Amino acid sequence: AVVLMHVPIFLVRFIALFCMGSLSPVYRRARSTKVDLFRDFNGALTRMMVVSSAYRHIIGAARDVPATDLPGLTYGMMFEQMHDVFAESIQSGVLQADDLRVMTTTIFRHLDKDGTGAIGCSEFIRAFISHDAIKVEDVAHFFSKDARRKVSSVL
């Protein structure tokens, strides 16, 4: 009976890894990813800084504006960026302009978590690091005064 309980898990894994078309390679790479907390922590922090800088560049904001005061990324801005990203695919005919609009609309709606019609800096950062094991909140809690006090009392 215990062996039979593993059959559904095996089937789902097999389908995800080998029968999902273009998604299967993504699942296979994700499955083989090794977790290294120290490497991942440093990498996540670095990616957070890079994406914050990229966000400022995309929306045309100055470096001295606090992240909480930055304007949001609009649909039009995102469409322009997506057009640049997929320029070769559009030029070769793999993607049409309508395909790009559908893709941009779908992604924009997903990223605009608060429904304001614009993607804020924190939404952009969270989307960028969504595959990371370490999130913004994890870093903030790890380095908070309370967490440092707990760690020092254990040591």
Protein backbone atom coordinates (compact mmCIF):
# COMPACT_ATOMS: atom_id res chain seq x y z
CA ALA A 1 0.00 0.00 0.00
CA VAL A 2 2.85 2.39 0.82
CA VAL A 3 4.42 1.73 -2.58
CA LEU A 4 1.13 2.57 -4.31
CA MET A 5 1.04 5.93 -2.56
CA HIS A 6 4.24 6.89 -4.40
CA VAL A 7 2.75 6.22 -7.86
CA PRO A 8 0.84 9.56 -8.15
CA ILE A 9 3.96 11.48 -7.09
CA PHE A 10 6.06 9.60 -9.62
CA LEU A 11 3.52 10.24 -12.40
CA VAL A 12 3.29 13.96 -11.71
CA ARG A 13 7.08 14.23 -11.59
CA PHE A 14 7.46 12.26 -14.84
CA ILE A 15 4.84 14.38 -16.61
CA ALA A 16 6.42 17.63 -15.40
CA LEU A 17 9.95 16.59 -16.33
CA PHE A 18 9.29 14.95 -19.71
CA CYS A 19 5.76 15.55 -21.04
CA MET A 20 5.16 19.30 -20.69
CA GLY A 21 6.72 20.37 -23.98
CA SER A 22 8.76 23.55 -23.67
CA LEU A 23 8.14 23.69 -19.89
CA SER A 24 9.81 20.35 -19.17
CA PRO A 25 13.39 21.65 -19.54
CA VAL A 26 12.53 24.43 -17.06
CA TYR A 27 11.26 21.88 -14.53
CA ARG A 28 14.33 19.69 -15.07
CA ARG A 29 16.71 22.63 -14.44
CA ALA A 30 14.75 23.67 -11.33
CA ARG A 31 14.82 20.14 -9.98
CA SER A 32 18.58 19.88 -10.29
CA THR A 33 19.33 23.25 -8.67
CA LYS A 34 21.47 22.90 -5.58
CA VAL A 35 20.82 25.18 -2.61
CA ASP A 36 23.79 26.90 -1.00
CA LEU A 37 22.54 29.38 1.60
CA PHE A 38 25.66 31.58 1.65
CA ARG A 39 25.98 31.74 -2.16
CA ASP A 40 22.24 32.21 -2.61
CA PHE A 41 22.10 34.94 0.05
CA ASN A 42 24.85 36.96 -1.63
CA GLY A 43 23.38 36.37 -5.07
CA ALA A 44 19.89 37.41 -3.97
CA LEU A 45 21.18 40.64 -2.41
CA THR A 46 23.17 41.46 -5.52
CA ARG A 47 20.18 40.79 -7.80
CA MET A 48 18.01 43.03 -5.60
CA MET A 49 20.45 45.91 -6.04
CA VAL A 50 20.78 45.36 -9.79
CA VAL A 51 17.03 45.19 -10.36
CA SER A 52 16.47 48.31 -8.27
CA SER A 53 18.98 50.16 -10.45
CA ALA A 54 17.44 48.74 -13.63
CA TYR A 55 13.97 49.82 -12.48
CA ARG A 56 15.22 53.38 -11.97
CA HIS A 57 16.74 53.34 -15.45
CA ILE A 58 13.58 52.00 -17.12
CA ILE A 59 11.34 54.63 -15.57
CA GLY A 60 13.95 57.39 -15.96
CA ALA A 61 14.26 58.22 -12.26
CA ALA A 62 17.22 59.90 -10.61
CA ARG A 63 19.37 57.98 -8.15
CA ASP A 64 18.60 60.34 -5.26
CA VAL A 65 14.84 59.67 -5.28
CA PRO A 66 13.88 57.23 -2.48
CA ALA A 67 12.50 53.92 -3.78
CA THR A 68 9.18 54.53 -2.02
CA ASP A 69 8.74 57.80 -3.99
CA LEU A 70 9.51 56.39 -7.44
CA PRO A 71 6.77 56.51 -10.06
CA GLY A 72 5.37 53.21 -11.27
CA LEU A 73 6.25 51.35 -14.44
CA THR A 74 3.33 51.87 -16.83
CA TYR A 75 2.00 49.44 -19.41
CA GLY A 76 3.46 51.61 -22.19
CA MET A 77 6.91 51.57 -20.60
CA MET A 78 6.74 47.83 -20.17
CA PHE A 79 5.59 47.31 -23.77
CA GLU A 80 8.58 49.31 -25.03
CA GLN A 81 10.94 47.20 -22.94
CA MET A 82 9.29 43.97 -24.08
CA HIS A 83 9.56 45.13 -27.70
CA ASP A 84 13.32 45.59 -27.19
CA VAL A 85 13.69 42.21 -25.49
CA PHE A 86 11.86 40.36 -28.27
CA ALA A 87 13.03 42.48 -31.22
CA GLU A 88 14.79 39.56 -32.93
CA SER A 89 11.78 37.27 -32.46
CA ILE A 90 9.50 39.92 -33.94
CA GLN A 91 11.86 40.63 -36.81
CA SER A 92 12.18 36.93 -37.66
CA GLY A 93 8.41 36.47 -37.55
CA VAL A 94 8.34 34.12 -34.55
CA LEU A 95 6.30 36.72 -32.62
CA GLN A 96 3.73 39.17 -33.99
CA ALA A 97 2.90 42.56 -32.47
CA ASP A 98 -0.40 41.14 -31.19
CA ASP A 99 1.46 38.28 -29.49
CA LEU A 100 3.67 40.83 -27.75
CA ARG A 101 0.63 42.83 -26.59
CA VAL A 102 -0.99 39.70 -25.15
CA MET A 103 2.27 38.72 -23.44
CA THR A 104 2.79 42.21 -22.02
CA THR A 105 -0.81 42.50 -20.83
CA THR A 106 -0.68 39.11 -19.13
CA ILE A 107 2.63 39.78 -17.40
CA PHE A 108 1.68 43.35 -16.48
CA ARG A 109 -1.54 42.21 -14.78
CA HIS A 110 0.37 39.54 -12.89
CA LEU A 111 3.08 41.95 -11.71
CA ASP A 112 0.70 44.75 -10.72
CA LYS A 113 -0.13 43.07 -7.41
CA ASP A 114 -1.82 46.10 -5.85
CA GLY A 115 -3.96 46.82 -8.94
CA THR A 116 -2.87 50.45 -9.31
CA GLY A 117 -2.24 50.22 -13.05
CA ALA A 118 1.49 50.65 -12.51
CA ILE A 119 4.22 48.31 -11.29
CA GLY A 120 6.03 49.73 -8.27
CA CYS A 121 9.69 49.23 -7.49
CA SER A 122 9.00 46.66 -4.75
CA GLU A 123 6.67 44.69 -7.07
CA PHE A 124 9.38 44.73 -9.74
CA ILE A 125 12.06 43.52 -7.32
CA ARG A 126 9.83 40.75 -5.94
CA ALA A 127 9.06 39.55 -9.46
CA PHE A 128 12.73 39.57 -10.41
CA ILE A 129 13.77 37.45 -7.43
CA SER A 130 10.64 35.30 -7.34
CA HIS A 131 12.63 32.15 -8.18
CA ASP A 132 15.15 32.80 -5.41
CA ALA A 133 14.91 30.88 -2.17
CA ILE A 134 15.75 34.11 -0.32
CA LYS A 135 13.22 36.96 -0.39
CA VAL A 136 13.45 40.65 0.54
CA GLU A 137 11.64 39.98 3.82
CA ASP A 138 14.12 37.21 4.71
CA VAL A 139 17.06 39.59 4.36
CA ALA A 140 15.30 42.31 6.33
CA HIS A 141 14.43 39.91 9.17
CA PHE A 142 17.89 38.33 9.19
CA PHE A 143 19.61 41.69 9.68
CA SER A 144 17.01 43.28 11.94
CA LYS A 145 18.10 44.37 15.40
CA ASP A 146 15.90 41.69 17.04
CA ALA A 147 17.40 38.90 14.94
CA ARG A 148 20.96 40.04 15.68
CA ARG A 149 20.15 40.08 19.38
CA LYS A 150 18.82 36.50 19.19
CA VAL A 151 21.89 35.28 17.32
CA SER A 152 24.30 36.94 19.76
CA SER A 153 22.48 35.44 22.76
CA VAL A 154 22.86 31.93 21.27
CA LEU A 155 26.57 32.45 20.63
